[in-house]
Amino acid sequence: MSATLIAGMVSLAALVAAVVSWRQARLAAARAAALADALAVALEGTLAAEEQYTQLREVMGSLRSRLDRVILKQGRTEHSGGNPGYQAAIDLTREGADDEVLMNTCGLMRGEARLIRNLYRSQAH
C-alpha cells in the first residue's frame, strides 16, 4: 500500500469519526432540549397545582369560618335537649365518627354530615 492511500484512508476514517461525533452531539442536544421542554411543562403544572391547592385551602377556611358562625348562632337559639347540633358533630368528627354516626347522633342530613366531616376531619390528625 502506498503512503498516499494510507493517508487517504486515515483521513476518511477521521472524517467518518467526526461526522459520527457531530451526529451524536446533535442528537444529545435535541434530547436535552426535549427534556428541558418537558421539565418546563412539569414545573408549570406543579405551580398551577400549588396555586389551586392554596385557593382550596382558602375556600375551606372560609367555609369553616362560616360554619363556626352558624354553630355559634345555633348555640344561642337551640333549646336544651333534642338535637345536639353542629358542635357535637364537629367533636364526634374529630374523634373519627363517620357520616352515619353524625346523622344518627346529631340529626344531620347526609350533606351536612359530609360537609362537617370534610371540613373538620383534617384537624383530627
Protein backbone atom coordinates (compact mmCIF):
# COMPACT_ATOMS: atom_id res chain seq x y z
CA MET A 1 0.00 0.00 0.00
CA SER A 2 1.21 3.39 -0.83
CA ALA A 3 1.61 6.13 1.72
CA THR A 4 -0.92 8.27 -0.16
CA LEU A 5 -3.55 5.52 0.03
CA ILE A 6 -2.90 5.02 3.74
CA ALA A 7 -3.09 8.76 4.37
CA GLY A 8 -6.35 8.92 2.42
CA MET A 9 -7.83 6.04 4.46
CA VAL A 10 -6.78 7.71 7.72
CA SER A 11 -8.34 10.98 6.56
CA LEU A 12 -11.53 9.17 5.57
CA ALA A 13 -11.65 7.40 8.95
CA ALA A 14 -11.13 10.73 10.73
CA LEU A 15 -13.92 12.28 8.64
CA VAL A 16 -16.31 9.41 9.46
CA ALA A 17 -15.45 9.70 13.17
CA ALA A 18 -16.06 13.45 13.05
CA VAL A 19 -19.44 13.01 11.32
CA VAL A 20 -20.50 10.33 13.82
CA SER A 21 -19.38 12.50 16.73
CA TRP A 22 -21.21 15.53 15.30
CA ARG A 23 -24.39 13.47 14.82
CA GLN A 24 -24.24 12.12 18.37
CA ALA A 25 -23.76 15.64 19.74
CA ARG A 26 -26.71 16.87 17.67
CA LEU A 27 -28.93 14.04 18.97
CA ALA A 28 -27.82 14.71 22.54
CA ALA A 29 -28.65 18.39 22.14
CA ALA A 30 -32.09 17.53 20.77
CA ARG A 31 -32.71 15.16 23.68
CA ALA A 32 -31.56 17.82 26.14
CA ALA A 33 -33.91 20.37 24.55
CA ALA A 34 -36.82 17.92 24.71
CA LEU A 35 -36.04 17.18 28.35
CA ALA A 36 -35.87 20.89 29.13
CA ASP A 37 -39.26 21.39 27.48
CA ALA A 38 -40.77 18.50 29.45
CA LEU A 39 -39.36 19.87 32.69
CA ALA A 40 -40.77 23.32 31.93
CA VAL A 41 -44.23 21.83 31.35
CA ALA A 42 -43.98 19.82 34.57
CA LEU A 43 -42.93 22.91 36.52
CA GLU A 44 -45.85 24.91 35.10
CA GLY A 45 -48.21 22.10 36.12
CA THR A 46 -46.74 21.99 39.61
CA LEU A 47 -47.08 25.74 40.05
CA ALA A 48 -50.69 25.61 38.85
CA ALA A 49 -51.45 22.77 41.25
CA GLU A 50 -49.87 24.68 44.14
CA GLU A 51 -51.99 27.73 43.29
CA GLN A 52 -55.16 25.61 43.17
CA TYR A 53 -54.24 23.99 46.48
CA THR A 54 -53.76 27.41 48.07
CA GLN A 55 -57.11 28.57 46.73
CA LEU A 56 -58.77 25.40 48.01
CA ARG A 57 -57.29 25.92 51.48
CA GLU A 58 -58.63 29.49 51.49
CA VAL A 59 -62.11 28.31 50.47
CA MET A 60 -62.06 25.57 53.08
CA GLY A 61 -61.02 28.09 55.72
CA SER A 62 -63.84 30.38 54.68
CA LEU A 63 -66.36 27.53 54.83
CA ARG A 64 -65.05 26.52 58.24
CA SER A 65 -65.46 30.11 59.49
CA ARG A 66 -68.99 30.32 58.11
CA LEU A 67 -69.92 27.02 59.74
CA ASP A 68 -68.42 28.21 63.03
CA ARG A 69 -70.66 31.32 62.84
CA VAL A 70 -73.70 29.11 62.16
CA ILE A 71 -72.79 26.94 65.12
CA LEU A 72 -72.44 29.97 67.36
CA LYS A 73 -75.81 31.29 66.20
CA GLN A 74 -77.36 27.85 66.63
CA GLY A 75 -75.96 27.62 70.14
CA ARG A 76 -77.72 30.84 71.08
CA THR A 77 -81.09 29.73 69.73
CA GLU A 78 -81.01 25.99 70.46
CA HIS A 79 -83.21 24.72 73.28
CA SER A 80 -81.81 22.30 75.79
CA GLY A 81 -82.34 18.64 74.88
CA GLY A 82 -83.26 17.50 71.38
CA ASN A 83 -80.73 17.80 68.57
CA PRO A 84 -77.16 18.06 69.91
CA GLY A 85 -76.27 20.23 66.88
CA TYR A 86 -73.25 21.00 64.82
CA GLN A 87 -70.74 21.41 67.64
CA ALA A 88 -71.39 17.86 68.79
CA ALA A 89 -70.96 16.69 65.19
CA ILE A 90 -67.63 18.51 64.95
CA ASP A 91 -66.47 16.95 68.22
CA LEU A 92 -67.53 13.49 67.02
CA THR A 93 -65.79 14.08 63.67
CA ARG A 94 -62.57 14.95 65.45
CA GLU A 95 -62.91 11.63 67.27
CA GLY A 96 -63.23 9.81 63.93
CA ALA A 97 -67.01 9.44 63.54
CA ASP A 98 -68.35 8.75 60.05
CA ASP A 99 -71.37 10.28 58.27
CA GLU A 100 -73.82 7.68 59.59
CA VAL A 101 -72.86 8.38 63.21
CA LEU A 102 -73.21 12.13 62.66
CA MET A 103 -76.61 11.67 61.01
CA ASN A 104 -77.97 9.33 63.70
CA THR A 105 -76.47 11.06 66.72
CA CYS A 106 -76.77 14.70 65.74
CA GLY A 107 -79.81 14.61 63.48
CA LEU A 108 -77.92 15.94 60.46
CA MET A 109 -78.75 15.43 56.83
CA ARG A 110 -76.18 13.45 54.82
CA GLY A 111 -74.85 16.60 53.10
CA GLU A 112 -74.39 18.36 56.44
CA ALA A 113 -72.60 15.35 57.91
CA ARG A 114 -70.32 15.10 54.88
CA LEU A 115 -69.56 18.83 54.98
CA ILE A 116 -68.64 18.75 58.66
CA ARG A 117 -66.54 15.62 58.19
CA ASN A 118 -64.67 17.17 55.23
CA LEU A 119 -64.09 20.47 56.99
CA TYR A 120 -63.04 19.18 60.38
CA ARG A 121 -61.56 15.74 59.68
CA SER A 122 -58.16 17.24 58.81
CA GLN A 123 -57.97 18.88 62.24
CA ALA A 124 -58.24 15.49 63.92
CA HIS A 125 -54.86 14.29 62.56
